[in-house]
Amino acid sequence: MALREIMIWIIQAVLFGIGIGIAMLTAHLAGPPLATAFAIDELIATAIVFFAVAAGLGWIGNRFWPEDWMYNPLL
């Protein structure tokens, strides 16, 4: 059992490394043209505002309309 768990972790680490390598290569080769095409610098601020508003609405909804299975008294 322990050897099986260790092998699973090793395989996951290798696949993670391959994925990170491919992502880095893609970002290096296609990053600047894609950033220009999609105006990434403008999307970052939009994404921050979107997630901040979504988190605020989620907190308000959980605070004022809690459901039994979602209620957290620490919020």
PDB file of N, CA and C in Angstrom:
ATOM      1  N   MET A   1       0.820  -1.196   0.000  1.00  0.00           N
ATOM      2  CA  MET A   1       0.000   0.000   0.000  1.00  0.00           C
ATOM      3  C   MET A   1       0.864   1.259   0.000  1.00  0.00           C
ATOM      4  N   ALA A   2       1.895   1.278   0.831  1.00  0.00           N
ATOM      5  CA  ALA A   2       2.741   2.471   0.912  1.00  0.00           C
ATOM      6  C   ALA A   2       3.466   2.705  -0.404  1.00  0.00           C
ATOM      7  N   LEU A   3       3.944   1.620  -1.032  1.00  0.00           N
ATOM      8  CA  LEU A   3       4.641   1.764  -2.309  1.00  0.00           C
ATOM      9  C   LEU A   3       3.692   2.290  -3.381  1.00  0.00           C
ATOM     10  N   ARG A   4       2.457   1.842  -3.336  1.00  0.00           N
ATOM     11  CA  ARG A   4       1.456   2.326  -4.293  1.00  0.00           C
ATOM     12  C   ARG A   4       1.230   3.828  -4.120  1.00  0.00           C
ATOM     13  N   GLU A   5       1.093   4.272  -2.880  1.00  0.00           N
ATOM     14  CA  GLU A   5       0.900   5.708  -2.611  1.00  0.00           C
ATOM     15  C   GLU A   5       2.102   6.521  -3.068  1.00  0.00           C
ATOM     16  N   ILE A   6       3.295   6.013  -2.817  1.00  0.00           N
ATOM     17  CA  ILE A   6       4.510   6.721  -3.227  1.00  0.00           C
ATOM     18  C   ILE A   6       4.580   6.829  -4.743  1.00  0.00           C
ATOM     19  N   MET A   7       4.237   5.752  -5.452  1.00  0.00           N
ATOM     20  CA  MET A   7       4.262   5.778  -6.912  1.00  0.00           C
ATOM     21  C   MET A   7       3.236   6.771  -7.469  1.00  0.00           C
ATOM     22  N   ILE A   8       2.066   6.840  -6.861  1.00  0.00           N
ATOM     23  CA  ILE A   8       1.052   7.799  -7.301  1.00  0.00           C
ATOM     24  C   ILE A   8       1.578   9.219  -7.152  1.00  0.00           C
ATOM     25  N   TRP A   9       2.219   9.518  -6.016  1.00  0.00           N
ATOM     26  CA  TRP A   9       2.756  10.856  -5.795  1.00  0.00           C
ATOM     27  C   TRP A   9       3.874  11.171  -6.780  1.00  0.00           C
ATOM     28  N   ILE A  10       4.714  10.178  -7.073  1.00  0.00           N
ATOM     29  CA  ILE A  10       5.811  10.404  -8.021  1.00  0.00           C
ATOM     30  C   ILE A  10       5.255  10.677  -9.416  1.00  0.00           C
ATOM     31  N   ILE A  11       4.268   9.895  -9.834  1.00  0.00           N
ATOM     32  CA  ILE A  11       3.669  10.101 -11.156  1.00  0.00           C
ATOM     33  C   ILE A  11       3.005  11.473 -11.228  1.00  0.00           C
ATOM     34  N   GLN A  12       2.315  11.863 -10.167  1.00  0.00           N
ATOM     35  CA  GLN A  12       1.687  13.184 -10.161  1.00  0.00           C
ATOM     36  C   GLN A  12       2.732  14.293 -10.235  1.00  0.00           C
ATOM     37  N   ALA A  13       3.843  14.136  -9.532  1.00  0.00           N
ATOM     38  CA  ALA A  13       4.904  15.151  -9.562  1.00  0.00           C
ATOM     39  C   ALA A  13       5.517  15.250 -10.960  1.00  0.00           C
ATOM     40  N   VAL A  14       5.724  14.111 -11.613  1.00  0.00           N
ATOM     41  CA  VAL A  14       6.289  14.122 -12.970  1.00  0.00           C
ATOM     42  C   VAL A  14       5.318  14.791 -13.947  1.00  0.00           C
ATOM     43  N   LEU A  15       4.040  14.430 -13.873  1.00  0.00           N
ATOM     44  CA  LEU A  15       3.052  15.048 -14.756  1.00  0.00           C
ATOM     45  C   LEU A  15       2.923  16.546 -14.492  1.00  0.00           C
ATOM     46  N   PHE A  16       3.001  16.955 -13.216  1.00  0.00           N
ATOM     47  CA  PHE A  16       2.965  18.371 -12.873  1.00  0.00           C
ATOM     48  C   PHE A  16       4.167  19.090 -13.488  1.00  0.00           C
ATOM     49  N   GLY A  17       5.338  18.488 -13.394  1.00  0.00           N
ATOM     50  CA  GLY A  17       6.541  19.081 -13.977  1.00  0.00           C
ATOM     51  C   GLY A  17       6.440  19.213 -15.486  1.00  0.00           C
ATOM     52  N   ILE A  18       5.892  18.197 -16.144  1.00  0.00           N
ATOM     53  CA  ILE A  18       5.704  18.270 -17.591  1.00  0.00           C
ATOM     54  C   ILE A  18       4.725  19.396 -17.938  1.00  0.00           C
ATOM     55  N   GLY A  19       3.640  19.495 -17.199  1.00  0.00           N
ATOM     56  CA  GLY A  19       2.660  20.549 -17.449  1.00  0.00           C
ATOM     57  C   GLY A  19       3.246  21.937 -17.249  1.00  0.00           C
ATOM     58  N   ILE A  20       4.019  22.115 -16.179  1.00  0.00           N
ATOM     59  CA  ILE A  20       4.651  23.411 -15.930  1.00  0.00           C
ATOM     60  C   ILE A  20       5.649  23.737 -17.039  1.00  0.00           C
ATOM     61  N   GLY A  21       6.396  22.748 -17.482  1.00  0.00           N
ATOM     62  CA  GLY A  21       7.355  22.966 -18.569  1.00  0.00           C
ATOM     63  C   GLY A  21       6.672  23.390 -19.854  1.00  0.00           C
ATOM     64  N   ILE A  22       5.593  22.719 -20.210  1.00  0.00           N
ATOM     65  CA  ILE A  22       4.861  23.081 -21.421  1.00  0.00           C
ATOM     66  C   ILE A  22       4.255  24.473 -21.284  1.00  0.00           C
ATOM     67  N   ALA A  23       3.722  24.783 -20.111  1.00  0.00           N
ATOM     68  CA  ALA A  23       3.150  26.117 -19.895  1.00  0.00           C
ATOM     69  C   ALA A  23       4.224  27.200 -20.007  1.00  0.00           C
ATOM     70  N   MET A  24       5.399  26.939 -19.450  1.00  0.00           N
ATOM     71  CA  MET A  24       6.480  27.931 -19.535  1.00  0.00           C
ATOM     72  C   MET A  24       6.945  28.124 -20.976  1.00  0.00           C
ATOM     73  N   LEU A  25       7.061  27.025 -21.714  1.00  0.00           N
ATOM     74  CA  LEU A  25       7.479  27.124 -23.106  1.00  0.00           C
ATOM     75  C   LEU A  25       6.443  27.885 -23.935  1.00  0.00           C
ATOM     76  N   THR A  26       5.174  27.578 -23.721  1.00  0.00           N
ATOM     77  CA  THR A  26       4.114  28.272 -24.441  1.00  0.00           C
ATOM     78  C   THR A  26       4.102  29.755 -24.094  1.00  0.00           C
ATOM     79  N   ALA A  27       4.255  30.088 -22.800  1.00  0.00           N
ATOM     80  CA  ALA A  27       4.264  31.496 -22.398  1.00  0.00           C
ATOM     81  C   ALA A  27       5.459  32.229 -22.994  1.00  0.00           C
ATOM     82  N   HIS A  28       6.590  31.541 -23.095  1.00  0.00           N
ATOM     83  CA  HIS A  28       7.785  32.177 -23.648  1.00  0.00           C
ATOM     84  C   HIS A  28       7.635  32.427 -25.149  1.00  0.00           C
ATOM     85  N   LEU A  29       7.049  31.458 -25.856  1.00  0.00           N
ATOM     86  CA  LEU A  29       6.963  31.572 -27.309  1.00  0.00           C
ATOM     87  C   LEU A  29       5.767  32.393 -27.776  1.00  0.00           C
ATOM     88  N   ALA A  30       4.620  32.219 -27.124  1.00  0.00           N
ATOM     89  CA  ALA A  30       3.395  32.863 -27.610  1.00  0.00           C
ATOM     90  C   ALA A  30       2.859  33.922 -26.659  1.00  0.00           C
ATOM     91  N   GLY A  31       3.549  34.178 -25.574  1.00  0.00           N
ATOM     92  CA  GLY A  31       3.048  35.117 -24.576  1.00  0.00           C
ATOM     93  C   GLY A  31       2.875  36.540 -25.047  1.00  0.00           C
ATOM     94  N   PRO A  32       3.920  37.167 -25.586  1.00  0.00           N
ATOM     95  CA  PRO A  32       3.781  38.565 -26.014  1.00  0.00           C
ATOM     96  C   PRO A  32       2.710  38.798 -27.085  1.00  0.00           C
ATOM     97  N   PRO A  33       2.628  37.962 -28.140  1.00  0.00           N
ATOM     98  CA  PRO A  33       1.552  38.206 -29.118  1.00  0.00           C
ATOM     99  C   PRO A  33       0.151  38.008 -28.524  1.00  0.00           C
ATOM    100  N   LEU A  34      -0.009  37.008 -27.678  1.00  0.00           N
ATOM    101  CA  LEU A  34      -1.324  36.782 -27.057  1.00  0.00           C
ATOM    102  C   LEU A  34      -1.675  37.908 -26.099  1.00  0.00           C
ATOM    103  N   ALA A  35      -0.694  38.389 -25.342  1.00  0.00           N
ATOM    104  CA  ALA A  35      -0.962  39.493 -24.419  1.00  0.00           C
ATOM    105  C   ALA A  35      -1.399  40.738 -25.176  1.00  0.00           C
ATOM    106  N   THR A  36      -0.785  40.978 -26.323  1.00  0.00           N
ATOM    107  CA  THR A  36      -1.177  42.135 -27.134  1.00  0.00           C
ATOM    108  C   THR A  36      -2.556  41.934 -27.748  1.00  0.00           C
ATOM    109  N   ALA A  37      -2.810  40.727 -28.239  1.00  0.00           N
ATOM    110  CA  ALA A  37      -4.082  40.456 -28.913  1.00  0.00           C
ATOM    111  C   ALA A  37      -5.274  40.555 -27.963  1.00  0.00           C
ATOM    112  N   PHE A  38      -5.109  40.080 -26.736  1.00  0.00           N
ATOM    113  CA  PHE A  38      -6.231  40.055 -25.793  1.00  0.00           C
ATOM    114  C   PHE A  38      -6.171  41.178 -24.758  1.00  0.00           C
ATOM    115  N   ALA A  39      -5.212  42.074 -24.856  1.00  0.00           N
ATOM    116  CA  ALA A  39      -5.060  43.204 -23.928  1.00  0.00           C
ATOM    117  C   ALA A  39      -5.086  42.731 -22.480  1.00  0.00           C
ATOM    118  N   ILE A  40      -4.149  41.847 -22.152  1.00  0.00           N
ATOM    119  CA  ILE A  40      -4.097  41.234 -20.827  1.00  0.00           C
ATOM    120  C   ILE A  40      -3.951  42.286 -19.734  1.00  0.00           C
ATOM    121  N   ASP A  41      -3.192  43.342 -19.983  1.00  0.00           N
ATOM    122  CA  ASP A  41      -2.978  44.354 -18.952  1.00  0.00           C
ATOM    123  C   ASP A  41      -4.288  45.018 -18.533  1.00  0.00           C
ATOM    124  N   GLU A  42      -5.242  45.110 -19.448  1.00  0.00           N
ATOM    125  CA  GLU A  42      -6.544  45.687 -19.090  1.00  0.00           C
ATOM    126  C   GLU A  42      -7.452  44.650 -18.434  1.00  0.00           C
ATOM    127  N   LEU A  43      -7.289  43.384 -18.792  1.00  0.00           N
ATOM    128  CA  LEU A  43      -8.138  42.337 -18.231  1.00  0.00           C
ATOM    129  C   LEU A  43      -7.818  42.035 -16.771  1.00  0.00           C
ATOM    130  N   ILE A  44      -6.583  42.281 -16.356  1.00  0.00           N
ATOM    131  CA  ILE A  44      -6.201  41.975 -14.976  1.00  0.00           C
ATOM    132  C   ILE A  44      -7.015  42.823 -14.003  1.00  0.00           C
ATOM    133  N   ALA A  45      -7.116  44.113 -14.258  1.00  0.00           N
ATOM    134  CA  ALA A  45      -7.894  44.982 -13.373  1.00  0.00           C
ATOM    135  C   ALA A  45      -9.368  44.587 -13.383  1.00  0.00           C
ATOM    136  N   THR A  46      -9.883  44.236 -14.552  1.00  0.00           N
ATOM    137  CA  THR A  46     -11.281  43.812 -14.649  1.00  0.00           C
ATOM    138  C   THR A  46     -11.517  42.539 -13.852  1.00  0.00           C
ATOM    139  N   ALA A  47     -10.599  41.596 -13.944  1.00  0.00           N
ATOM    140  CA  ALA A  47     -10.744  40.334 -13.209  1.00  0.00           C
ATOM    141  C   ALA A  47     -10.693  40.570 -11.701  1.00  0.00           C
ATOM    142  N   ILE A  48      -9.818  41.454 -11.247  1.00  0.00           N
ATOM    143  CA  ILE A  48      -9.727  41.740  -9.811  1.00  0.00           C
ATOM    144  C   ILE A  48     -11.037  42.333  -9.301  1.00  0.00           C
ATOM    145  N   VAL A  49     -11.575  43.289 -10.034  1.00  0.00           N
ATOM    146  CA  VAL A  49     -12.843  43.898  -9.635  1.00  0.00           C
ATOM    147  C   VAL A  49     -13.961  42.860  -9.651  1.00  0.00           C
ATOM    148  N   PHE A  50     -14.016  42.021 -10.684  1.00  0.00           N
ATOM    149  CA  PHE A  50     -15.064  41.003 -10.788  1.00  0.00           C
ATOM    150  C   PHE A  50     -15.021  40.048  -9.598  1.00  0.00           C
ATOM    151  N   PHE A  51     -13.847  39.516  -9.284  1.00  0.00           N
ATOM    152  CA  PHE A  51     -13.752  38.555  -8.191  1.00  0.00           C
ATOM    153  C   PHE A  51     -13.981  39.215  -6.834  1.00  0.00           C
ATOM    154  N   ALA A  52     -13.597  40.468  -6.676  1.00  0.00           N
ATOM    155  CA  ALA A  52     -13.863  41.171  -5.423  1.00  0.00           C
ATOM    156  C   ALA A  52     -15.367  41.361  -5.218  1.00  0.00           C
ATOM    157  N   VAL A  53     -16.062  41.745  -6.273  1.00  0.00           N
ATOM    158  CA  VAL A  53     -17.519  41.926  -6.176  1.00  0.00           C
ATOM    159  C   VAL A  53     -18.201  40.585  -5.942  1.00  0.00           C
ATOM    160  N   ALA A  54     -17.761  39.537  -6.649  1.00  0.00           N
ATOM    161  CA  ALA A  54     -18.357  38.208  -6.467  1.00  0.00           C
ATOM    162  C   ALA A  54     -18.131  37.710  -5.039  1.00  0.00           C
ATOM    163  N   ALA A  55     -16.943  37.925  -4.492  1.00  0.00           N
ATOM    164  CA  ALA A  55     -16.667  37.497  -3.118  1.00  0.00           C
ATOM    165  C   ALA A  55     -17.516  38.284  -2.128  1.00  0.00           C
ATOM    166  N   GLY A  56     -17.660  39.581  -2.367  1.00  0.00           N
ATOM    167  CA  GLY A  56     -18.498  40.394  -1.477  1.00  0.00           C
ATOM    168  C   GLY A  56     -19.950  39.966  -1.500  1.00  0.00           C
ATOM    169  N   LEU A  57     -20.484  39.719  -2.700  1.00  0.00           N
ATOM    170  CA  LEU A  57     -21.870  39.257  -2.792  1.00  0.00           C
ATOM    171  C   LEU A  57     -22.046  37.885  -2.156  1.00  0.00           C
ATOM    172  N   GLY A  58     -21.068  37.020  -2.323  1.00  0.00           N
ATOM    173  CA  GLY A  58     -21.137  35.706  -1.687  1.00  0.00           C
ATOM    174  C   GLY A  58     -21.118  35.811  -0.168  1.00  0.00           C
ATOM    175  N   TRP A  59     -20.278  36.708   0.358  1.00  0.00           N
ATOM    176  CA  TRP A  59     -20.223  36.887   1.804  1.00  0.00           C
ATOM    177  C   TRP A  59     -21.539  37.446   2.333  1.00  0.00           C
ATOM    178  N   ILE A  60     -22.081  38.448   1.630  1.00  0.00           N
ATOM    179  CA  ILE A  60     -23.359  39.039   2.052  1.00  0.00           C
ATOM    180  C   ILE A  60     -24.470  37.993   1.992  1.00  0.00           C
ATOM    181  N   GLY A  61     -24.503  37.226   0.921  1.00  0.00           N
ATOM    182  CA  GLY A  61     -25.528  36.197   0.794  1.00  0.00           C
ATOM    183  C   GLY A  61     -25.419  35.147   1.884  1.00  0.00           C
ATOM    184  N   ASN A  62     -24.210  34.745   2.220  1.00  0.00           N
ATOM    185  CA  ASN A  62     -24.031  33.754   3.273  1.00  0.00           C
ATOM    186  C   ASN A  62     -24.345  34.343   4.647  1.00  0.00           C
ATOM    187  N   ARG A  63     -24.118  35.615   4.797  1.00  0.00           N
ATOM    188  CA  ARG A  63     -24.333  36.274   6.088  1.00  0.00           C
ATOM    189  C   ARG A  63     -25.822  36.499   6.365  1.00  0.00           C
ATOM    190  N   PHE A  64     -26.564  36.936   5.362  1.00  0.00           N
ATOM    191  CA  PHE A  64     -27.948  37.314   5.591  1.00  0.00           C
ATOM    192  C   PHE A  64     -28.963  36.251   5.193  1.00  0.00           C
ATOM    193  N   TRP A  65     -28.577  35.321   4.311  1.00  0.00           N
ATOM    194  CA  TRP A  65     -29.489  34.247   3.915  1.00  0.00           C
ATOM    195  C   TRP A  65     -28.784  32.899   4.028  1.00  0.00           C
ATOM    196  N   PRO A  66     -28.328  32.540   5.223  1.00  0.00           N
ATOM    197  CA  PRO A  66     -27.574  31.283   5.347  1.00  0.00           C
ATOM    198  C   PRO A  66     -28.492  30.070   5.200  1.00  0.00           C
ATOM    199  N   GLU A  67     -27.962  29.059   4.604  1.00  0.00           N
ATOM    200  CA  GLU A  67     -28.663  27.785   4.538  1.00  0.00           C
ATOM    201  C   GLU A  67     -28.035  26.898   5.605  1.00  0.00           C
ATOM    202  N   ASP A  68     -28.758  25.909   6.055  1.00  0.00           N
ATOM    203  CA  ASP A  68     -28.264  25.068   7.141  1.00  0.00           C
ATOM    204  C   ASP A  68     -26.931  24.417   6.801  1.00  0.00           C
ATOM    205  N   TRP A  69     -26.780  23.931   5.581  1.00  0.00           N
ATOM    206  CA  TRP A  69     -25.563  23.228   5.228  1.00  0.00           C
ATOM    207  C   TRP A  69     -24.420  24.172   4.880  1.00  0.00           C
ATOM    208  N   MET A  70     -24.689  25.451   4.667  1.00  0.00           N
ATOM    209  CA  MET A  70     -23.628  26.399   4.333  1.00  0.00           C
ATOM    210  C   MET A  70     -23.316  27.360   5.465  1.00  0.00           C
ATOM    211  N   TYR A  71     -24.078  27.357   6.522  1.00  0.00           N
ATOM    212  CA  TYR A  71     -23.914  28.381   7.540  1.00  0.00           C
ATOM    213  C   TYR A  71     -22.603  28.200   8.302  1.00  0.00           C
ATOM    214  N   ASN A  72     -21.863  29.272   8.411  1.00  0.00           N
ATOM    215  CA  ASN A  72     -20.614  29.272   9.174  1.00  0.00           C
ATOM    216  C   ASN A  72     -20.710  30.415  10.181  1.00  0.00           C
ATOM    217  N   PRO A  73     -20.831  30.133  11.464  1.00  0.00           N
ATOM    218  CA  PRO A  73     -20.994  31.206  12.452  1.00  0.00           C
ATOM    219  C   PRO A  73     -19.784  32.138  12.545  1.00  0.00           C
ATOM    220  N   LEU A  74     -18.624  31.722  12.021  1.00  0.00           N
ATOM    221  CA  LEU A  74     -17.436  32.571  12.065  1.00  0.00           C
ATOM    222  C   LEU A  74     -17.517  33.701  11.044  1.00  0.00           C
ATOM    223  N   LEU A  75     -18.366  33.574  10.051  1.00  0.00           N
ATOM    224  CA  LEU A  75     -18.510  34.645   9.066  1.00  0.00           C
ATOM    225  C   LEU A  75     -19.419  35.699   9.639  1.00  0.00           C
TER     226      LEU A  75
END
